[in-house]
């Protein structure tokens, strides 16, 4: 490789790194603004101010507010979907569902604004992301239901309705993000500590796994 080509390659790599970092900052800022102001109240200027970038930069990466909103929703959605990968490799429900609960609580801890955006969107009838619900979420849910039903049929857990078990897990784990302010208020106005998050995981897993006869 000649010197000019090497310099060009380094320059391209640097630009890619800058682009990824700018997108990360924009998306994290957009999560917070959409969570606090809703889709209608959020503006590209508010998001730019939160990100510390010129508004023109946002439009370079995302042409419209709806494009940015859909990307925020897609991000949290894909993170949630991958949280249940353990269902495909686990030998039993204690391992698979336990790992899923752990992952979902970690997401609530580290992506609370994304969770709130999703909750608000769904509570308003999913005007922007209905297609996700009707296709991707429905197909994913049916796959997880089949995995749980297999464990039921194998006698590895109690004969509970898999769909309602999933709904219970979603409601419990996402509560720690969507109602984070309430939890902090009841925790003497402080965020949960590392120790308290470990206690949350242990408690939620114990209650659910014992309840379905998996442990």
N, C-alpha and C. Protein backbone atom coordinates (compact mmCIF):
# COMPACT_ATOMS: atom_id res chain seq x y z
N UNK A 1 0.86 -1.19 0.00
CA UNK A 1 0.00 0.00 0.00
C UNK A 1 0.90 1.24 0.00
N UNK A 2 0.66 2.17 -0.98
CA UNK A 2 1.49 3.37 -1.00
C UNK A 2 1.06 4.34 0.09
N UNK A 3 1.89 5.37 0.27
CA UNK A 3 1.66 6.29 1.39
C UNK A 3 0.33 7.03 1.26
N UNK A 4 -0.01 7.46 0.05
CA UNK A 4 -1.26 8.20 -0.15
C UNK A 4 -2.48 7.34 0.15
N UNK A 5 -2.41 6.08 -0.28
CA UNK A 5 -3.53 5.16 -0.01
C UNK A 5 -3.69 4.90 1.47
N UNK A 6 -2.55 4.77 2.17
CA UNK A 6 -2.59 4.53 3.61
C UNK A 6 -3.19 5.72 4.34
N UNK A 7 -2.78 6.92 3.94
CA UNK A 7 -3.34 8.12 4.56
C UNK A 7 -4.83 8.21 4.30
N UNK A 8 -5.25 7.87 3.06
CA UNK A 8 -6.67 7.90 2.71
C UNK A 8 -7.46 6.91 3.55
N UNK A 9 -6.88 5.71 3.77
CA UNK A 9 -7.57 4.69 4.56
C UNK A 9 -7.71 5.14 6.01
N UNK A 10 -6.66 5.72 6.56
CA UNK A 10 -6.71 6.22 7.94
C UNK A 10 -7.76 7.32 8.06
N UNK A 11 -7.77 8.22 7.05
CA UNK A 11 -8.74 9.30 7.07
C UNK A 11 -10.17 8.80 7.00
N UNK A 12 -10.41 7.78 6.17
CA UNK A 12 -11.75 7.20 6.05
C UNK A 12 -12.16 6.55 7.37
N UNK A 13 -11.22 5.85 8.01
CA UNK A 13 -11.52 5.22 9.29
C UNK A 13 -11.87 6.24 10.35
N UNK A 14 -11.17 7.35 10.34
CA UNK A 14 -11.43 8.41 11.32
C UNK A 14 -12.80 9.02 11.09
N UNK A 15 -13.16 9.23 9.83
CA UNK A 15 -14.47 9.80 9.52
C UNK A 15 -15.59 8.86 9.95
N UNK A 16 -15.37 7.56 9.74
CA UNK A 16 -16.37 6.56 10.15
C UNK A 16 -16.55 6.58 11.66
N UNK A 17 -15.43 6.70 12.38
CA UNK A 17 -15.49 6.75 13.84
C UNK A 17 -16.24 7.99 14.32
N UNK A 18 -15.98 9.13 13.68
CA UNK A 18 -16.67 10.37 14.05
C UNK A 18 -18.16 10.25 13.76
N UNK A 19 -18.49 9.66 12.63
CA UNK A 19 -19.90 9.49 12.26
C UNK A 19 -20.63 8.62 13.30
N UNK A 20 -20.00 7.52 13.68
CA UNK A 20 -20.62 6.64 14.67
C UNK A 20 -20.81 7.34 16.00
N UNK A 21 -19.82 8.11 16.42
CA UNK A 21 -19.92 8.82 17.69
C UNK A 21 -21.02 9.88 17.62
N UNK A 22 -21.10 10.61 16.51
CA UNK A 22 -22.15 11.63 16.37
C UNK A 22 -23.53 10.98 16.40
N UNK A 23 -23.68 9.85 15.71
CA UNK A 23 -24.96 9.15 15.72
C UNK A 23 -25.32 8.68 17.13
N UNK A 24 -24.32 8.17 17.84
CA UNK A 24 -24.57 7.71 19.22
C UNK A 24 -25.04 8.86 20.09
N UNK A 25 -24.38 10.01 20.01
CA UNK A 25 -24.74 11.18 20.81
C UNK A 25 -26.14 11.67 20.43
N UNK A 26 -26.41 11.72 19.13
CA UNK A 26 -27.73 12.17 18.67
C UNK A 26 -28.83 11.25 19.18
N UNK A 27 -28.62 9.95 19.06
CA UNK A 27 -29.65 8.99 19.46
C UNK A 27 -29.89 9.02 20.97
N UNK A 28 -28.83 9.12 21.76
CA UNK A 28 -29.00 9.19 23.22
C UNK A 28 -29.74 10.48 23.60
N UNK A 29 -29.41 11.57 22.94
CA UNK A 29 -30.09 12.84 23.22
C UNK A 29 -31.54 12.78 22.77
N UNK A 30 -31.78 12.17 21.61
CA UNK A 30 -33.15 12.06 21.10
C UNK A 30 -34.00 11.20 22.02
N UNK A 31 -33.44 10.12 22.55
CA UNK A 31 -34.17 9.28 23.51
C UNK A 31 -34.71 10.13 24.65
N UNK A 32 -33.84 10.96 25.22
CA UNK A 32 -34.22 11.77 26.38
C UNK A 32 -35.29 12.80 26.02
N UNK A 33 -35.10 13.48 24.89
CA UNK A 33 -36.05 14.52 24.49
C UNK A 33 -37.40 13.90 24.14
N UNK A 34 -37.41 12.82 23.38
CA UNK A 34 -38.68 12.17 23.04
C UNK A 34 -39.37 11.61 24.28
N UNK A 35 -38.59 11.10 25.22
CA UNK A 35 -39.17 10.55 26.44
C UNK A 35 -39.82 11.64 27.28
N UNK A 36 -39.20 12.81 27.33
CA UNK A 36 -39.70 13.89 28.18
C UNK A 36 -40.75 14.76 27.49
N UNK A 37 -40.62 14.96 26.18
CA UNK A 37 -41.52 15.88 25.48
C UNK A 37 -42.54 15.17 24.59
N UNK A 38 -42.33 13.87 24.35
CA UNK A 38 -43.19 13.16 23.42
C UNK A 38 -42.83 13.51 21.99
N UNK A 39 -43.38 12.76 21.05
CA UNK A 39 -43.06 13.01 19.63
C UNK A 39 -43.53 14.40 19.21
N UNK A 40 -44.74 14.77 19.65
CA UNK A 40 -45.29 16.07 19.24
C UNK A 40 -44.53 17.25 19.83
N UNK A 41 -44.09 17.11 21.07
CA UNK A 41 -43.41 18.23 21.72
C UNK A 41 -41.94 18.35 21.39
N UNK A 42 -41.35 17.27 20.91
CA UNK A 42 -39.92 17.29 20.59
C UNK A 42 -39.66 18.03 19.29
N UNK A 43 -38.54 18.71 19.21
CA UNK A 43 -38.12 19.37 17.98
C UNK A 43 -36.67 18.99 17.69
N UNK A 44 -36.31 19.12 16.44
CA UNK A 44 -34.92 18.83 16.07
C UNK A 44 -33.98 19.81 16.76
N UNK A 45 -34.44 21.04 16.99
CA UNK A 45 -33.59 22.02 17.67
C UNK A 45 -33.34 21.62 19.12
N UNK A 46 -34.39 21.13 19.79
CA UNK A 46 -34.21 20.68 21.17
C UNK A 46 -33.21 19.52 21.23
N UNK A 47 -33.33 18.61 20.29
CA UNK A 47 -32.43 17.46 20.27
C UNK A 47 -31.01 17.90 19.96
N UNK A 48 -30.85 18.83 19.02
CA UNK A 48 -29.53 19.36 18.68
C UNK A 48 -28.89 20.03 19.89
N UNK A 49 -29.69 20.81 20.62
CA UNK A 49 -29.17 21.49 21.82
C UNK A 49 -28.72 20.46 22.86
N UNK A 50 -29.52 19.42 23.05
CA UNK A 50 -29.18 18.38 24.01
C UNK A 50 -27.89 17.66 23.60
N UNK A 51 -27.73 17.45 22.30
CA UNK A 51 -26.55 16.75 21.79
C UNK A 51 -25.32 17.64 21.71
N UNK A 52 -25.53 18.97 21.79
CA UNK A 52 -24.41 19.89 21.66
C UNK A 52 -23.88 19.96 20.24
N UNK A 53 -24.79 19.79 19.27
CA UNK A 53 -24.42 19.82 17.86
C UNK A 53 -25.28 20.83 17.12
N UNK A 54 -24.78 21.36 16.00
CA UNK A 54 -25.63 22.25 15.18
C UNK A 54 -26.83 21.47 14.64
N UNK A 55 -27.96 22.14 14.50
CA UNK A 55 -29.16 21.49 13.99
C UNK A 55 -28.90 20.88 12.62
N UNK A 56 -28.07 21.53 11.81
CA UNK A 56 -27.77 21.01 10.47
C UNK A 56 -27.14 19.62 10.53
N UNK A 57 -26.38 19.36 11.59
CA UNK A 57 -25.77 18.04 11.74
C UNK A 57 -26.81 16.94 11.91
N UNK A 58 -27.89 17.26 12.65
CA UNK A 58 -28.95 16.28 12.83
C UNK A 58 -29.58 15.92 11.49
N UNK A 59 -29.84 16.95 10.67
CA UNK A 59 -30.48 16.71 9.38
C UNK A 59 -29.54 15.99 8.42
N UNK A 60 -28.24 16.08 8.66
CA UNK A 60 -27.29 15.33 7.84
C UNK A 60 -27.44 13.82 8.10
N UNK A 61 -27.68 13.46 9.37
CA UNK A 61 -27.81 12.05 9.74
C UNK A 61 -29.25 11.56 9.63
N UNK A 62 -30.21 12.43 9.95
CA UNK A 62 -31.62 12.05 9.94
C UNK A 62 -32.40 13.17 9.27
N UNK A 63 -32.99 12.87 8.14
CA UNK A 63 -33.63 13.92 7.33
C UNK A 63 -34.80 14.59 8.05
N UNK A 64 -35.58 13.79 8.80
CA UNK A 64 -36.76 14.33 9.47
C UNK A 64 -36.82 13.87 10.92
N UNK A 65 -37.67 14.52 11.68
CA UNK A 65 -37.88 14.12 13.07
C UNK A 65 -38.44 12.70 13.13
N UNK A 66 -39.32 12.35 12.21
CA UNK A 66 -39.90 11.01 12.22
C UNK A 66 -38.83 9.96 11.94
N UNK A 67 -37.89 10.25 11.04
CA UNK A 67 -36.79 9.31 10.79
C UNK A 67 -36.00 9.06 12.06
N UNK A 68 -35.70 10.12 12.79
CA UNK A 68 -34.93 10.00 14.03
C UNK A 68 -35.73 9.25 15.09
N UNK A 69 -37.02 9.56 15.18
CA UNK A 69 -37.89 8.90 16.16
C UNK A 69 -37.95 7.40 15.89
N UNK A 70 -38.15 7.04 14.64
CA UNK A 70 -38.23 5.62 14.29
C UNK A 70 -36.91 4.91 14.61
N UNK A 71 -35.80 5.60 14.41
CA UNK A 71 -34.50 4.98 14.73
C UNK A 71 -34.37 4.76 16.23
N UNK A 72 -34.82 5.71 17.03
CA UNK A 72 -34.78 5.56 18.49
C UNK A 72 -35.62 4.35 18.91
N UNK A 73 -36.83 4.26 18.35
CA UNK A 73 -37.72 3.15 18.68
C UNK A 73 -37.13 1.83 18.21
N UNK A 74 -36.56 1.84 17.00
CA UNK A 74 -35.95 0.62 16.47
C UNK A 74 -34.81 0.15 17.34
N UNK A 75 -34.01 1.08 17.84
CA UNK A 75 -32.86 0.71 18.68
C UNK A 75 -33.30 -0.03 19.93
N UNK A 76 -34.25 0.54 20.67
CA UNK A 76 -34.67 -0.09 21.92
C UNK A 76 -35.38 -1.41 21.61
N UNK A 77 -36.10 -1.44 20.51
CA UNK A 77 -36.81 -2.66 20.11
C UNK A 77 -35.83 -3.78 19.81
N UNK A 78 -34.77 -3.49 19.07
CA UNK A 78 -33.79 -4.51 18.72
C UNK A 78 -33.02 -4.99 19.96
N UNK A 79 -32.74 -4.08 20.87
CA UNK A 79 -32.08 -4.46 22.12
C UNK A 79 -32.96 -5.42 22.90
N UNK A 80 -34.26 -5.13 22.96
CA UNK A 80 -35.19 -6.02 23.66
C UNK A 80 -35.26 -7.38 22.98
N UNK A 81 -35.31 -7.39 21.65
CA UNK A 81 -35.41 -8.66 20.94
C UNK A 81 -34.20 -9.55 21.23
N UNK A 82 -33.02 -8.97 21.21
CA UNK A 82 -31.81 -9.76 21.45
C UNK A 82 -31.70 -10.23 22.90
N UNK A 83 -32.43 -9.57 23.80
CA UNK A 83 -32.39 -9.96 25.22
C UNK A 83 -32.90 -11.39 25.41
N UNK A 84 -33.73 -11.86 24.49
CA UNK A 84 -34.30 -13.21 24.63
C UNK A 84 -33.55 -14.24 23.81
N UNK A 85 -32.35 -13.92 23.33
CA UNK A 85 -31.56 -14.91 22.59
C UNK A 85 -31.29 -16.15 23.43
N UNK A 86 -31.29 -15.97 24.76
CA UNK A 86 -31.03 -17.10 25.66
C UNK A 86 -32.08 -18.21 25.50
N UNK A 87 -33.27 -17.87 25.01
CA UNK A 87 -34.32 -18.87 24.82
C UNK A 87 -33.87 -19.95 23.82
N UNK A 88 -33.02 -19.54 22.87
CA UNK A 88 -32.65 -20.44 21.79
C UNK A 88 -31.56 -21.43 22.18
N UNK A 89 -30.82 -21.15 23.24
CA UNK A 89 -29.68 -21.99 23.61
C UNK A 89 -29.81 -22.61 25.00
N UNK A 90 -30.73 -22.12 25.80
CA UNK A 90 -30.85 -22.59 27.18
C UNK A 90 -31.40 -24.01 27.24
N UNK A 91 -30.92 -24.75 28.22
CA UNK A 91 -31.36 -26.14 28.38
C UNK A 91 -32.71 -26.22 29.10
N UNK A 92 -33.03 -25.20 29.89
CA UNK A 92 -34.26 -25.25 30.67
C UNK A 92 -34.76 -23.83 30.93
N UNK A 93 -35.98 -23.69 31.43
CA UNK A 93 -36.55 -22.36 31.66
C UNK A 93 -35.83 -21.55 32.72
N UNK A 94 -35.27 -22.20 33.72
CA UNK A 94 -34.55 -21.46 34.76
C UNK A 94 -33.40 -20.68 34.13
N UNK A 95 -32.69 -21.34 33.22
CA UNK A 95 -31.57 -20.69 32.56
C UNK A 95 -32.05 -19.67 31.53
N UNK A 96 -32.97 -20.06 30.67
CA UNK A 96 -33.41 -19.18 29.59
C UNK A 96 -34.19 -17.98 30.07
N UNK A 97 -35.20 -18.21 30.89
CA UNK A 97 -36.04 -17.11 31.38
C UNK A 97 -35.26 -16.28 32.39
N UNK A 98 -34.43 -16.95 33.19
CA UNK A 98 -33.61 -16.20 34.15
C UNK A 98 -32.68 -15.23 33.46
N UNK A 99 -32.02 -15.68 32.38
CA UNK A 99 -31.12 -14.80 31.62
C UNK A 99 -31.90 -13.67 30.94
N UNK A 100 -33.10 -13.97 30.49
CA UNK A 100 -33.95 -12.97 29.85
C UNK A 100 -34.33 -11.87 30.85
N UNK A 101 -34.70 -12.27 32.05
CA UNK A 101 -35.05 -11.28 33.08
C UNK A 101 -33.84 -10.42 33.42
N UNK A 102 -32.68 -11.04 33.57
CA UNK A 102 -31.46 -10.28 33.83
C UNK A 102 -31.23 -9.24 32.74
N UNK A 103 -31.32 -9.68 31.49
CA UNK A 103 -31.06 -8.79 30.36
C UNK A 103 -32.07 -7.66 30.29
N UNK A 104 -33.34 -7.97 30.52
CA UNK A 104 -34.38 -6.94 30.45
C UNK A 104 -34.19 -5.90 31.55
N UNK A 105 -33.78 -6.32 32.72
CA UNK A 105 -33.56 -5.36 33.80
C UNK A 105 -32.33 -4.50 33.53
N UNK A 106 -31.30 -5.07 32.91
CA UNK A 106 -30.14 -4.28 32.53
C UNK A 106 -30.51 -3.22 31.50
N UNK A 107 -31.39 -3.57 30.60
CA UNK A 107 -31.85 -2.61 29.60
C UNK A 107 -32.63 -1.48 30.28
N UNK A 108 -33.49 -1.82 31.21
CA UNK A 108 -34.23 -0.80 31.94
C UNK A 108 -33.30 0.12 32.71
N UNK A 109 -32.21 -0.45 33.20
CA UNK A 109 -31.24 0.34 33.96
C UNK A 109 -30.47 1.30 33.06
N UNK A 110 -30.04 0.82 31.89
CA UNK A 110 -29.14 1.60 31.05
C UNK A 110 -29.82 2.31 29.88
N UNK A 111 -31.07 1.95 29.58
CA UNK A 111 -31.80 2.61 28.49
C UNK A 111 -33.20 3.03 28.95
N UNK A 112 -33.30 3.73 30.08
CA UNK A 112 -34.63 4.07 30.59
C UNK A 112 -35.42 4.97 29.66
N UNK A 113 -34.75 5.90 28.98
CA UNK A 113 -35.48 6.83 28.11
C UNK A 113 -36.02 6.11 26.88
N UNK A 114 -35.26 5.18 26.33
CA UNK A 114 -35.76 4.41 25.20
C UNK A 114 -37.01 3.63 25.56
N UNK A 115 -37.02 3.05 26.75
CA UNK A 115 -38.18 2.32 27.22
C UNK A 115 -39.39 3.23 27.37
N UNK A 116 -39.15 4.43 27.88
CA UNK A 116 -40.26 5.38 28.05
C UNK A 116 -40.82 5.83 26.72
N UNK A 117 -39.96 6.02 25.73
CA UNK A 117 -40.42 6.40 24.40
C UNK A 117 -41.34 5.31 23.85
N UNK A 118 -40.90 4.06 23.98
CA UNK A 118 -41.71 2.94 23.50
C UNK A 118 -43.06 2.89 24.22
N UNK A 119 -43.05 3.02 25.54
CA UNK A 119 -44.28 2.95 26.32
C UNK A 119 -45.26 4.06 25.92
N UNK A 120 -44.75 5.28 25.75
CA UNK A 120 -45.60 6.40 25.37
C UNK A 120 -46.19 6.18 23.98
N UNK A 121 -45.36 5.70 23.07
CA UNK A 121 -45.84 5.44 21.70
C UNK A 121 -46.98 4.42 21.71
N UNK A 122 -46.80 3.33 22.44
CA UNK A 122 -47.82 2.28 22.46
C UNK A 122 -49.09 2.77 23.16
N UNK A 123 -48.93 3.52 24.24
CA UNK A 123 -50.11 4.02 24.96
C UNK A 123 -50.93 4.99 24.11
N UNK A 124 -50.30 5.58 23.12
CA UNK A 124 -51.02 6.49 22.22
C UNK A 124 -51.48 5.79 20.95
N UNK A 125 -51.48 4.45 20.96
CA UNK A 125 -51.98 3.70 19.83
C UNK A 125 -50.95 3.40 18.76
N UNK A 126 -49.69 3.61 19.07
CA UNK A 126 -48.57 3.32 18.15
C UNK A 126 -48.77 3.95 16.78
N UNK A 127 -48.99 5.28 16.71
CA UNK A 127 -49.23 5.92 15.41
C UNK A 127 -48.04 5.85 14.46
N UNK A 128 -46.83 5.74 15.00
CA UNK A 128 -45.64 5.74 14.15
C UNK A 128 -45.08 4.33 13.94
N UNK A 129 -45.20 3.47 14.95
CA UNK A 129 -44.51 2.18 14.87
C UNK A 129 -45.47 0.98 14.87
N UNK A 130 -46.70 1.19 14.43
CA UNK A 130 -47.65 0.08 14.39
C UNK A 130 -47.13 -1.09 13.55
N UNK A 131 -46.37 -0.78 12.50
CA UNK A 131 -45.83 -1.85 11.66
C UNK A 131 -44.89 -2.76 12.44
N UNK A 132 -44.12 -2.20 13.39
CA UNK A 132 -43.26 -3.03 14.23
C UNK A 132 -44.10 -4.02 15.04
N UNK A 133 -45.21 -3.52 15.60
CA UNK A 133 -46.05 -4.36 16.44
C UNK A 133 -46.69 -5.48 15.64
N UNK A 134 -47.18 -5.14 14.46
CA UNK A 134 -47.96 -6.10 13.68
C UNK A 134 -47.10 -7.17 13.01
N UNK A 135 -45.85 -6.84 12.75
CA UNK A 135 -45.00 -7.80 12.02
C UNK A 135 -43.88 -8.33 12.91
N UNK A 136 -42.91 -7.49 13.22
CA UNK A 136 -41.72 -7.95 13.92
C UNK A 136 -42.04 -8.44 15.32
N UNK A 137 -42.77 -7.63 16.11
CA UNK A 137 -43.06 -8.04 17.48
C UNK A 137 -43.95 -9.27 17.52
N UNK A 138 -44.93 -9.33 16.64
CA UNK A 138 -45.83 -10.49 16.62
C UNK A 138 -45.06 -11.77 16.29
N UNK A 139 -44.21 -11.71 15.29
CA UNK A 139 -43.43 -12.90 14.91
C UNK A 139 -42.46 -13.31 16.02
N UNK A 140 -41.79 -12.32 16.61
CA UNK A 140 -40.86 -12.61 17.70
C UNK A 140 -41.59 -13.24 18.88
N UNK A 141 -42.75 -12.68 19.23
CA UNK A 141 -43.52 -13.18 20.36
C UNK A 141 -43.96 -14.62 20.13
N UNK A 142 -44.41 -14.92 18.94
CA UNK A 142 -44.83 -16.29 18.65
C UNK A 142 -43.67 -17.26 18.80
N UNK A 143 -42.47 -16.84 18.43
CA UNK A 143 -41.30 -17.69 18.59
C UNK A 143 -40.96 -17.95 20.04
N UNK A 144 -41.08 -16.90 20.88
CA UNK A 144 -40.80 -17.08 22.32
C UNK A 144 -41.88 -17.92 22.97
N UNK A 145 -43.12 -17.76 22.53
CA UNK A 145 -44.22 -18.57 23.07
C UNK A 145 -43.96 -20.04 22.79
N UNK A 146 -43.49 -20.34 21.57
CA UNK A 146 -43.22 -21.74 21.21
C UNK A 146 -42.12 -22.33 22.09
N UNK A 147 -41.09 -21.53 22.40
CA UNK A 147 -40.00 -22.02 23.25
C UNK A 147 -40.51 -22.32 24.65
N UNK A 148 -41.32 -21.43 25.21
CA UNK A 148 -41.86 -21.64 26.56
C UNK A 148 -42.79 -22.85 26.56
N UNK A 149 -43.62 -22.97 25.51
CA UNK A 149 -44.55 -24.10 25.46
C UNK A 149 -43.79 -25.42 25.37
N UNK A 150 -42.65 -25.42 24.72
CA UNK A 150 -41.84 -26.63 24.65
C UNK A 150 -41.36 -27.05 26.04
N UNK A 151 -40.95 -26.07 26.84
CA UNK A 151 -40.53 -26.38 28.21
C UNK A 151 -41.70 -26.90 29.04
N UNK A 152 -42.88 -26.33 28.79
CA UNK A 152 -44.08 -26.83 29.48
C UNK A 152 -44.34 -28.27 29.09
N UNK A 153 -44.32 -28.54 27.79
CA UNK A 153 -44.61 -29.89 27.29
C UNK A 153 -43.58 -30.91 27.78
N UNK A 154 -42.36 -30.47 28.01
CA UNK A 154 -41.30 -31.36 28.50
C UNK A 154 -41.36 -31.54 30.01
N UNK A 155 -42.30 -30.86 30.67
CA UNK A 155 -42.45 -30.98 32.11
C UNK A 155 -41.40 -30.23 32.91
N UNK A 156 -40.74 -29.26 32.28
CA UNK A 156 -39.68 -28.51 32.96
C UNK A 156 -40.21 -27.28 33.70
N UNK A 157 -41.50 -26.99 33.54
CA UNK A 157 -42.11 -25.88 34.26
C UNK A 157 -43.62 -26.11 34.32
N UNK A 158 -44.27 -25.32 35.14
CA UNK A 158 -45.72 -25.46 35.32
C UNK A 158 -46.44 -25.12 34.02
N UNK A 159 -47.64 -25.67 33.82
CA UNK A 159 -48.40 -25.42 32.59
C UNK A 159 -49.08 -24.05 32.59
N UNK A 160 -48.27 -23.00 32.52
CA UNK A 160 -48.81 -21.64 32.47
C UNK A 160 -48.97 -21.21 31.02
N UNK A 161 -49.76 -20.18 30.80
CA UNK A 161 -49.94 -19.62 29.46
C UNK A 161 -48.69 -18.82 29.10
N UNK A 162 -47.93 -19.22 28.09
CA UNK A 162 -46.69 -18.54 27.75
C UNK A 162 -46.86 -17.06 27.42
N UNK A 163 -47.95 -16.73 26.77
CA UNK A 163 -48.18 -15.34 26.39
C UNK A 163 -48.29 -14.44 27.62
N UNK A 164 -49.06 -14.89 28.59
CA UNK A 164 -49.25 -14.08 29.79
C UNK A 164 -47.99 -14.04 30.65
N UNK A 165 -47.20 -15.09 30.59
CA UNK A 165 -45.91 -15.06 31.28
C UNK A 165 -45.01 -13.98 30.68
N UNK A 166 -44.95 -13.90 29.36
CA UNK A 166 -44.16 -12.87 28.70
C UNK A 166 -44.65 -11.48 29.08
N UNK A 167 -45.98 -11.30 29.06
CA UNK A 167 -46.53 -9.99 29.42
C UNK A 167 -46.14 -9.60 30.85
N UNK A 168 -46.15 -10.58 31.74
CA UNK A 168 -45.78 -10.31 33.13
C UNK A 168 -44.31 -9.89 33.23
N UNK A 169 -43.45 -10.59 32.50
CA UNK A 169 -42.03 -10.25 32.53
C UNK A 169 -41.81 -8.85 31.96
N UNK A 170 -42.48 -8.54 30.86
CA UNK A 170 -42.33 -7.20 30.27
C UNK A 170 -42.78 -6.13 31.26
N UNK A 171 -43.95 -6.34 31.86
CA UNK A 171 -44.48 -5.34 32.78
C UNK A 171 -43.56 -5.13 33.98
N UNK A 172 -43.05 -6.23 34.52
CA UNK A 172 -42.20 -6.13 35.71
C UNK A 172 -40.86 -5.47 35.41
N UNK A 173 -40.19 -5.94 34.37
CA UNK A 173 -38.84 -5.43 34.08
C UNK A 173 -38.88 -3.99 33.58
N UNK A 174 -39.84 -3.67 32.73
CA UNK A 174 -39.90 -2.32 32.17
C UNK A 174 -40.42 -1.30 33.18
N UNK A 175 -41.06 -1.77 34.22
CA UNK A 175 -41.51 -0.87 35.29
C UNK A 175 -40.34 -0.07 35.86
N UNK A 176 -39.17 -0.70 35.95
CA UNK A 176 -38.02 -0.05 36.56
C UNK A 176 -37.47 1.07 35.69
N UNK A 177 -37.86 1.10 34.41
CA UNK A 177 -37.49 2.22 33.54
C UNK A 177 -38.64 3.22 33.45
N UNK A 178 -39.83 2.72 33.11
CA UNK A 178 -40.96 3.61 32.85
C UNK A 178 -41.43 4.35 34.09
N UNK A 179 -41.25 3.74 35.27
CA UNK A 179 -41.64 4.37 36.53
C UNK A 179 -40.43 4.62 37.41
N UNK A 180 -39.32 4.91 36.74
CA UNK A 180 -38.07 5.14 37.47
C UNK A 180 -38.16 6.26 38.49
N UNK A 181 -38.88 7.33 38.16
CA UNK A 181 -39.00 8.44 39.11
C UNK A 181 -39.72 8.00 40.37
N UNK A 182 -40.75 7.20 40.21
CA UNK A 182 -41.49 6.70 41.37
C UNK A 182 -40.59 5.82 42.23
N UNK A 183 -39.81 4.96 41.59
CA UNK A 183 -38.92 4.07 42.33
C UNK A 183 -37.86 4.88 43.07
N UNK A 184 -37.29 5.90 42.42
CA UNK A 184 -36.30 6.74 43.09
C UNK A 184 -36.92 7.49 44.26
N UNK A 185 -38.14 7.98 44.09
CA UNK A 185 -38.82 8.68 45.18
C UNK A 185 -38.99 7.78 46.40
N UNK A 186 -39.36 6.52 46.15
CA UNK A 186 -39.54 5.57 47.24
C UNK A 186 -38.21 5.03 47.77
N UNK A 187 -37.13 5.40 47.09
CA UNK A 187 -35.79 5.00 47.52
C UNK A 187 -35.04 6.22 48.09
N UNK A 188 -35.77 7.01 48.85
CA UNK A 188 -35.22 8.21 49.49
C UNK A 188 -34.68 9.21 48.47
N UNK A 189 -35.31 9.23 47.28
CA UNK A 189 -34.92 10.20 46.26
C UNK A 189 -33.61 9.88 45.56
N UNK A 190 -33.15 8.64 45.67
CA UNK A 190 -31.86 8.27 45.07
C UNK A 190 -32.04 7.15 44.04
N UNK A 191 -31.20 7.15 43.00
CA UNK A 191 -31.22 6.03 42.06
C UNK A 191 -30.82 4.74 42.77
N UNK A 192 -31.29 3.62 42.27
CA UNK A 192 -30.90 2.34 42.86
C UNK A 192 -29.40 2.15 42.71
N UNK A 193 -28.78 1.64 43.75
CA UNK A 193 -27.34 1.37 43.73
C UNK A 193 -27.07 0.04 43.02
N UNK A 194 -25.79 -0.27 42.78
CA UNK A 194 -25.44 -1.56 42.19
C UNK A 194 -25.97 -2.71 43.04
N UNK A 195 -25.84 -2.58 44.35
CA UNK A 195 -26.33 -3.63 45.24
C UNK A 195 -27.84 -3.79 45.11
N UNK A 196 -28.55 -2.68 45.05
CA UNK A 196 -30.00 -2.75 44.93
C UNK A 196 -30.43 -3.35 43.60
N UNK A 197 -29.71 -3.05 42.52
CA UNK A 197 -30.04 -3.66 41.24
C UNK A 197 -29.83 -5.17 41.29
N UNK A 198 -28.80 -5.62 41.99
CA UNK A 198 -28.60 -7.07 42.14
C UNK A 198 -29.76 -7.68 42.92
N UNK A 199 -30.23 -6.96 43.93
CA UNK A 199 -31.37 -7.45 44.71
C UNK A 199 -32.64 -7.50 43.84
N UNK A 200 -32.81 -6.51 42.99
CA UNK A 200 -33.97 -6.50 42.08
C UNK A 200 -33.94 -7.75 41.21
N UNK A 201 -32.80 -8.01 40.60
CA UNK A 201 -32.68 -9.18 39.72
C UNK A 201 -32.98 -10.48 40.48
N UNK A 202 -32.35 -10.62 41.63
CA UNK A 202 -32.55 -11.85 42.41
C UNK A 202 -34.01 -12.02 42.82
N UNK A 203 -34.63 -10.92 43.24
CA UNK A 203 -36.02 -11.00 43.70
C UNK A 203 -36.98 -11.32 42.56
N UNK A 204 -36.84 -10.61 41.46
CA UNK A 204 -37.75 -10.82 40.33
C UNK A 204 -37.60 -12.24 39.79
N UNK A 205 -36.36 -12.70 39.64
CA UNK A 205 -36.14 -14.07 39.14
C UNK A 205 -36.70 -15.10 40.11
N UNK A 206 -36.47 -14.91 41.40
CA UNK A 206 -36.98 -15.87 42.38
C UNK A 206 -38.49 -15.95 42.34
N UNK A 207 -39.15 -14.81 42.33
CA UNK A 207 -40.62 -14.77 42.33
C UNK A 207 -41.19 -15.44 41.09
N UNK A 208 -40.66 -15.08 39.91
CA UNK A 208 -41.21 -15.60 38.66
C UNK A 208 -40.84 -17.07 38.46
N UNK A 209 -39.58 -17.41 38.65
CA UNK A 209 -39.15 -18.78 38.39
C UNK A 209 -39.79 -19.77 39.36
N UNK A 210 -39.91 -19.38 40.64
CA UNK A 210 -40.61 -20.25 41.58
C UNK A 210 -42.09 -20.35 41.23
N UNK A 211 -42.64 -19.23 40.80
CA UNK A 211 -44.06 -19.21 40.46
C UNK A 211 -44.41 -20.13 39.30
N UNK A 212 -43.48 -20.33 38.37
CA UNK A 212 -43.75 -21.20 37.23
C UNK A 212 -43.17 -22.59 37.43
N UNK A 213 -42.66 -22.83 38.64
CA UNK A 213 -42.13 -24.16 38.95
C UNK A 213 -40.87 -24.51 38.21
N UNK A 214 -40.05 -23.49 37.90
CA UNK A 214 -38.81 -23.73 37.15
C UNK A 214 -37.61 -23.96 38.06
N UNK A 215 -37.77 -23.66 39.35
CA UNK A 215 -36.68 -23.86 40.31
C UNK A 215 -37.24 -24.55 41.56
